[in-house]
Amino acid sequence: MSFNTNRVLRRVLPQNLGDERGQALQDYALGIGIFIVSVAIVLSFIPSILAPFNAPIDDSVTARADRSADRLTYSLSEERQPNILNTSDTEYLFENLGSSENLREYLGLSATTKINVTIHDPATDEIATVNSVRLAAGQPYGDTPIAASSRIVLIEDQPYRLTVRLW
């Protein structure tokens, strides 16, 4: 017995393909197009998936830091002598309003804002003291992205830098 492949193929394949053949070029182009779009979408999301989540500091946080530094400098300054800080007011603020919650309330910031206020010597970077009160308040800022604003101020005729950091 011999096996006749022509007879089997005639039953499986239609005899007259004519106009019924597949649109190979269009199918290929559509398939490649979908593949390229899929690869592009996957590649665009990979950096955001692999990158650590650190929200960037936007302009509104920078503006709030600037307003906070202005308000602190203005409210602690001697009357009619801008940027010359009143030692008793400065001592009171850092002694009694030193927590983040009190500073946020005093400066009118939202409850989710983290704040650090420091007055330090610009030459040595040491934190200043007034009558043994350390002039640093709020939370430590660490490695997080921050918005900072600084003002040069005088305390007892010595120059210092008042820095407000928000994140």
C-alpha atoms as a PDB file:
ATOM      1  CA  MET A   1       0.000   0.000   0.000  1.00  0.00           C
ATOM      2  CA  SER A   2       1.337   3.316  -0.929  1.00  0.00           C
ATOM      3  CA  PHE A   3       0.429   6.580   0.639  1.00  0.00           C
ATOM      4  CA  ASN A   4      -0.751   9.231  -1.799  1.00  0.00           C
ATOM      5  CA  THR A   5      -0.011  12.692  -0.430  1.00  0.00           C
ATOM      6  CA  ASN A   6      -1.717  14.515  -3.277  1.00  0.00           C
ATOM      7  CA  ARG A   7      -5.071  13.047  -2.385  1.00  0.00           C
ATOM      8  CA  VAL A   8      -4.717  14.086   1.273  1.00  0.00           C
ATOM      9  CA  LEU A   9      -3.632  17.601   0.396  1.00  0.00           C
ATOM     10  CA  ARG A  10      -6.547  18.032  -1.991  1.00  0.00           C
ATOM     11  CA  ARG A  11      -8.985  17.282   0.802  1.00  0.00           C
ATOM     12  CA  VAL A  12      -7.288  19.607   3.314  1.00  0.00           C
ATOM     13  CA  LEU A  13      -6.422  22.531   1.052  1.00  0.00           C
ATOM     14  CA  PRO A  14      -9.015  24.202  -1.118  1.00  0.00           C
ATOM     15  CA  GLN A  15      -8.358  23.736  -4.807  1.00  0.00           C
ATOM     16  CA  ASN A  16      -8.978  27.292  -5.901  1.00  0.00           C
ATOM     17  CA  LEU A  17      -7.449  29.937  -3.645  1.00  0.00           C
ATOM     18  CA  GLY A  18      -8.292  32.797  -5.987  1.00  0.00           C
ATOM     19  CA  ASP A  19      -9.349  35.938  -4.088  1.00  0.00           C
ATOM     20  CA  GLU A  20      -9.660  34.201  -0.722  1.00  0.00           C
ATOM     21  CA  ARG A  21      -5.980  34.227   0.225  1.00  0.00           C
ATOM     22  CA  GLY A  22      -4.922  36.078   3.402  1.00  0.00           C
ATOM     23  CA  GLN A  23      -3.676  39.638   3.428  1.00  0.00           C
ATOM     24  CA  ALA A  24      -0.127  38.759   4.451  1.00  0.00           C
ATOM     25  CA  LEU A  25       1.429  42.226   4.018  1.00  0.00           C
ATOM     26  CA  GLN A  26      -1.317  44.046   5.930  1.00  0.00           C
ATOM     27  CA  ASP A  27      -1.327  41.435   8.713  1.00  0.00           C
ATOM     28  CA  TYR A  28       2.446  41.633   8.997  1.00  0.00           C
ATOM     29  CA  ALA A  29       2.448  45.455   9.125  1.00  0.00           C
ATOM     30  CA  LEU A  30      -0.326  45.520  11.737  1.00  0.00           C
ATOM     31  CA  GLY A  31       1.426  42.895  13.860  1.00  0.00           C
ATOM     32  CA  ILE A  32       4.771  44.706  13.735  1.00  0.00           C
ATOM     33  CA  GLY A  33       3.048  48.017  14.531  1.00  0.00           C
ATOM     34  CA  ILE A  34       1.339  46.568  17.611  1.00  0.00           C
ATOM     35  CA  PHE A  35       4.617  44.970  18.696  1.00  0.00           C
ATOM     36  CA  ILE A  36       6.564  48.245  18.379  1.00  0.00           C
ATOM     37  CA  VAL A  37       3.910  50.199  20.299  1.00  0.00           C
ATOM     38  CA  SER A  38       3.890  47.543  23.046  1.00  0.00           C
ATOM     39  CA  VAL A  39       7.683  47.617  23.377  1.00  0.00           C
ATOM     40  CA  ALA A  40       7.667  51.436  23.499  1.00  0.00           C
ATOM     41  CA  ILE A  41       5.050  51.456  26.283  1.00  0.00           C
ATOM     42  CA  VAL A  42       6.955  48.882  28.323  1.00  0.00           C
ATOM     43  CA  LEU A  43      10.249  50.741  27.892  1.00  0.00           C
ATOM     44  CA  SER A  44       8.674  54.049  28.898  1.00  0.00           C
ATOM     45  CA  PHE A  45       7.418  52.600  32.200  1.00  0.00           C
ATOM     46  CA  ILE A  46      10.589  50.724  33.199  1.00  0.00           C
ATOM     47  CA  PRO A  47      12.476  53.801  34.545  1.00  0.00           C
ATOM     48  CA  SER A  48       9.537  54.818  36.734  1.00  0.00           C
ATOM     49  CA  ILE A  49       9.191  51.285  38.086  1.00  0.00           C
ATOM     50  CA  LEU A  50      12.883  50.912  38.918  1.00  0.00           C
ATOM     51  CA  ALA A  51      13.524  54.429  40.240  1.00  0.00           C
ATOM     52  CA  PRO A  52      13.115  55.080  43.963  1.00  0.00           C
ATOM     53  CA  PHE A  53      10.165  57.262  44.885  1.00  0.00           C
ATOM     54  CA  ASN A  54      11.373  60.770  45.666  1.00  0.00           C
ATOM     55  CA  ALA A  55       8.847  63.390  44.822  1.00  0.00           C
ATOM     56  CA  PRO A  56      10.601  66.394  43.333  1.00  0.00           C
ATOM     57  CA  ILE A  57      10.340  69.728  45.048  1.00  0.00           C
ATOM     58  CA  ASP A  58       8.063  71.974  43.054  1.00  0.00           C
ATOM     59  CA  ASP A  59       7.918  75.748  42.880  1.00  0.00           C
ATOM     60  CA  SER A  60       5.112  76.016  45.430  1.00  0.00           C
ATOM     61  CA  VAL A  61       7.277  74.464  48.167  1.00  0.00           C
ATOM     62  CA  THR A  62      10.144  76.791  47.253  1.00  0.00           C
ATOM     63  CA  ALA A  63       7.777  79.773  47.439  1.00  0.00           C
ATOM     64  CA  ARG A  64       6.512  78.644  50.861  1.00  0.00           C
ATOM     65  CA  ALA A  65      10.111  78.324  52.110  1.00  0.00           C
ATOM     66  CA  ASP A  66      10.842  81.837  50.863  1.00  0.00           C
ATOM     67  CA  ARG A  67       7.701  83.269  52.491  1.00  0.00           C
ATOM     68  CA  SER A  68       8.506  81.468  55.750  1.00  0.00           C
ATOM     69  CA  ALA A  69      12.057  82.869  55.812  1.00  0.00           C
ATOM     70  CA  ASP A  70      10.677  86.357  55.126  1.00  0.00           C
ATOM     71  CA  ARG A  71       8.097  86.059  57.885  1.00  0.00           C
ATOM     72  CA  LEU A  72      10.605  84.785  60.440  1.00  0.00           C
ATOM     73  CA  THR A  73      13.115  87.497  59.556  1.00  0.00           C
ATOM     74  CA  TYR A  74      10.453  90.200  59.703  1.00  0.00           C
ATOM     75  CA  SER A  75       8.853  89.019  62.949  1.00  0.00           C
ATOM     76  CA  LEU A  76      12.163  88.535  64.769  1.00  0.00           C
ATOM     77  CA  SER A  77      13.786  91.792  63.578  1.00  0.00           C
ATOM     78  CA  GLU A  78      14.161  94.880  65.693  1.00  0.00           C
ATOM     79  CA  GLU A  79      11.609  97.562  64.958  1.00  0.00           C
ATOM     80  CA  ARG A  80      12.649  99.590  61.879  1.00  0.00           C
ATOM     81  CA  GLN A  81      15.901  97.616  61.594  1.00  0.00           C
ATOM     82  CA  PRO A  82      15.327  94.767  59.161  1.00  0.00           C
ATOM     83  CA  ASN A  83      17.509  91.675  59.479  1.00  0.00           C
ATOM     84  CA  ILE A  84      18.832  92.720  62.902  1.00  0.00           C
ATOM     85  CA  LEU A  85      17.209  90.130  65.144  1.00  0.00           C
ATOM     86  CA  ASN A  86      15.832  90.944  68.572  1.00  0.00           C
ATOM     87  CA  THR A  87      17.613  88.531  70.923  1.00  0.00           C
ATOM     88  CA  SER A  88      14.710  88.095  73.345  1.00  0.00           C
ATOM     89  CA  ASP A  89      12.182  87.402  70.553  1.00  0.00           C
ATOM     90  CA  THR A  90      14.595  84.997  68.866  1.00  0.00           C
ATOM     91  CA  GLU A  91      15.294  83.206  72.138  1.00  0.00           C
ATOM     92  CA  TYR A  92      11.559  82.938  72.876  1.00  0.00           C
ATOM     93  CA  LEU A  93      10.727  81.563  69.434  1.00  0.00           C
ATOM     94  CA  PHE A  94      13.359  78.828  69.461  1.00  0.00           C
ATOM     95  CA  GLU A  95      12.742  77.924  73.102  1.00  0.00           C
ATOM     96  CA  ASN A  96       8.935  77.783  72.984  1.00  0.00           C
ATOM     97  CA  LEU A  97       8.037  77.166  69.337  1.00  0.00           C
ATOM     98  CA  GLY A  98      10.827  74.718  68.562  1.00  0.00           C
ATOM     99  CA  SER A  99       8.643  71.773  67.555  1.00  0.00           C
ATOM    100  CA  SER A 100       7.603  71.217  63.955  1.00  0.00           C
ATOM    101  CA  GLU A 101       3.902  71.481  64.809  1.00  0.00           C
ATOM    102  CA  ASN A 102       4.319  74.865  66.502  1.00  0.00           C
ATOM    103  CA  LEU A 103       6.491  76.210  63.690  1.00  0.00           C
ATOM    104  CA  ARG A 104       4.007  75.052  61.040  1.00  0.00           C
ATOM    105  CA  GLU A 105       1.165  76.722  62.916  1.00  0.00           C
ATOM    106  CA  TYR A 106       3.161  79.924  63.475  1.00  0.00           C
ATOM    107  CA  LEU A 107       4.120  80.146  59.794  1.00  0.00           C
ATOM    108  CA  GLY A 108       0.718  79.043  58.475  1.00  0.00           C
ATOM    109  CA  LEU A 109       1.956  75.879  56.756  1.00  0.00           C
ATOM    110  CA  SER A 110      -0.047  72.716  56.142  1.00  0.00           C
ATOM    111  CA  ALA A 111       0.134  69.815  58.588  1.00  0.00           C
ATOM    112  CA  THR A 112       1.910  67.595  56.050  1.00  0.00           C
ATOM    113  CA  THR A 113       4.783  70.047  55.541  1.00  0.00           C
ATOM    114  CA  LYS A 114       8.003  69.170  57.312  1.00  0.00           C
ATOM    115  CA  ILE A 115      10.128  72.095  58.441  1.00  0.00           C
ATOM    116  CA  ASN A 116      13.600  72.834  59.754  1.00  0.00           C
ATOM    117  CA  VAL A 117      14.704  76.316  60.830  1.00  0.00           C
ATOM    118  CA  THR A 118      18.339  76.943  61.723  1.00  0.00           C
ATOM    119  CA  ILE A 119      20.425  80.009  62.440  1.00  0.00           C
ATOM    120  CA  HIS A 120      24.103  79.251  61.992  1.00  0.00           C
ATOM    121  CA  ASP A 121      27.438  80.968  61.601  1.00  0.00           C
ATOM    122  CA  PRO A 122      28.164  81.226  57.860  1.00  0.00           C
ATOM    123  CA  ALA A 123      31.926  80.880  58.392  1.00  0.00           C
ATOM    124  CA  THR A 124      31.977  77.802  60.638  1.00  0.00           C
ATOM    125  CA  ASP A 125      28.509  76.323  59.985  1.00  0.00           C
ATOM    126  CA  GLU A 126      28.010  75.985  63.749  1.00  0.00           C
ATOM    127  CA  ILE A 127      24.493  76.519  65.054  1.00  0.00           C
ATOM    128  CA  ALA A 128      24.160  79.823  66.874  1.00  0.00           C
ATOM    129  CA  THR A 129      23.083  80.188  70.509  1.00  0.00           C
ATOM    130  CA  VAL A 130      21.448  83.071  72.345  1.00  0.00           C
ATOM    131  CA  ASN A 131      21.614  82.931  76.150  1.00  0.00           C
ATOM    132  CA  SER A 132      22.369  79.182  75.919  1.00  0.00           C
ATOM    133  CA  VAL A 133      19.322  78.560  73.679  1.00  0.00           C
ATOM    134  CA  ARG A 134      20.310  76.647  70.551  1.00  0.00           C
ATOM    135  CA  LEU A 135      18.834  78.339  67.462  1.00  0.00           C
ATOM    136  CA  ALA A 136      17.644  75.243  65.625  1.00  0.00           C
ATOM    137  CA  ALA A 137      14.081  73.978  65.464  1.00  0.00           C
ATOM    138  CA  GLY A 138      11.977  71.445  63.618  1.00  0.00           C
ATOM    139  CA  GLN A 139      12.861  68.078  62.174  1.00  0.00           C
ATOM    140  CA  PRO A 140      16.259  67.015  60.855  1.00  0.00           C
ATOM    141  CA  TYR A 141      16.188  67.034  57.066  1.00  0.00           C
ATOM    142  CA  GLY A 142      18.577  64.181  56.141  1.00  0.00           C
ATOM    143  CA  ASP A 143      18.865  63.079  52.504  1.00  0.00           C
ATOM    144  CA  THR A 144      15.425  64.099  51.308  1.00  0.00           C
ATOM    145  CA  PRO A 145      14.983  66.713  48.567  1.00  0.00           C
ATOM    146  CA  ILE A 146      14.284  70.047  50.228  1.00  0.00           C
ATOM    147  CA  ALA A 147      13.337  73.588  49.352  1.00  0.00           C
ATOM    148  CA  ALA A 148      15.508  76.026  51.272  1.00  0.00           C
ATOM    149  CA  SER A 149      15.560  79.763  51.663  1.00  0.00           C
ATOM    150  CA  SER A 150      18.205  81.740  53.562  1.00  0.00           C
ATOM    151  CA  ARG A 151      18.548  85.248  54.929  1.00  0.00           C
ATOM    152  CA  ILE A 152      21.625  86.946  56.356  1.00  0.00           C
ATOM    153  CA  VAL A 153      20.782  88.342  59.791  1.00  0.00           C
ATOM    154  CA  LEU A 154      22.639  90.044  62.632  1.00  0.00           C
ATOM    155  CA  ILE A 155      22.422  88.916  66.244  1.00  0.00           C
ATOM    156  CA  GLU A 156      24.321  91.131  68.669  1.00  0.00           C
ATOM    157  CA  ASP A 157      26.315  92.614  65.755  1.00  0.00           C
ATOM    158  CA  GLN A 158      27.437  89.172  64.544  1.00  0.00           C
ATOM    159  CA  PRO A 159      26.392  87.942  61.081  1.00  0.00           C
ATOM    160  CA  TYR A 160      24.465  84.671  60.899  1.00  0.00           C
ATOM    161  CA  ARG A 161      22.483  82.816  58.257  1.00  0.00           C
ATOM    162  CA  LEU A 162      18.822  82.020  58.945  1.00  0.00           C
ATOM    163  CA  THR A 163      17.827  79.017  56.827  1.00  0.00           C
ATOM    164  CA  VAL A 164      14.319  77.617  56.432  1.00  0.00           C
ATOM    165  CA  ARG A 165      14.058  74.145  54.889  1.00  0.00           C
ATOM    166  CA  LEU A 166      10.748  72.627  53.802  1.00  0.00           C
ATOM    167  CA  TRP A 167       9.931  69.230  52.349  1.00  0.00           C
END
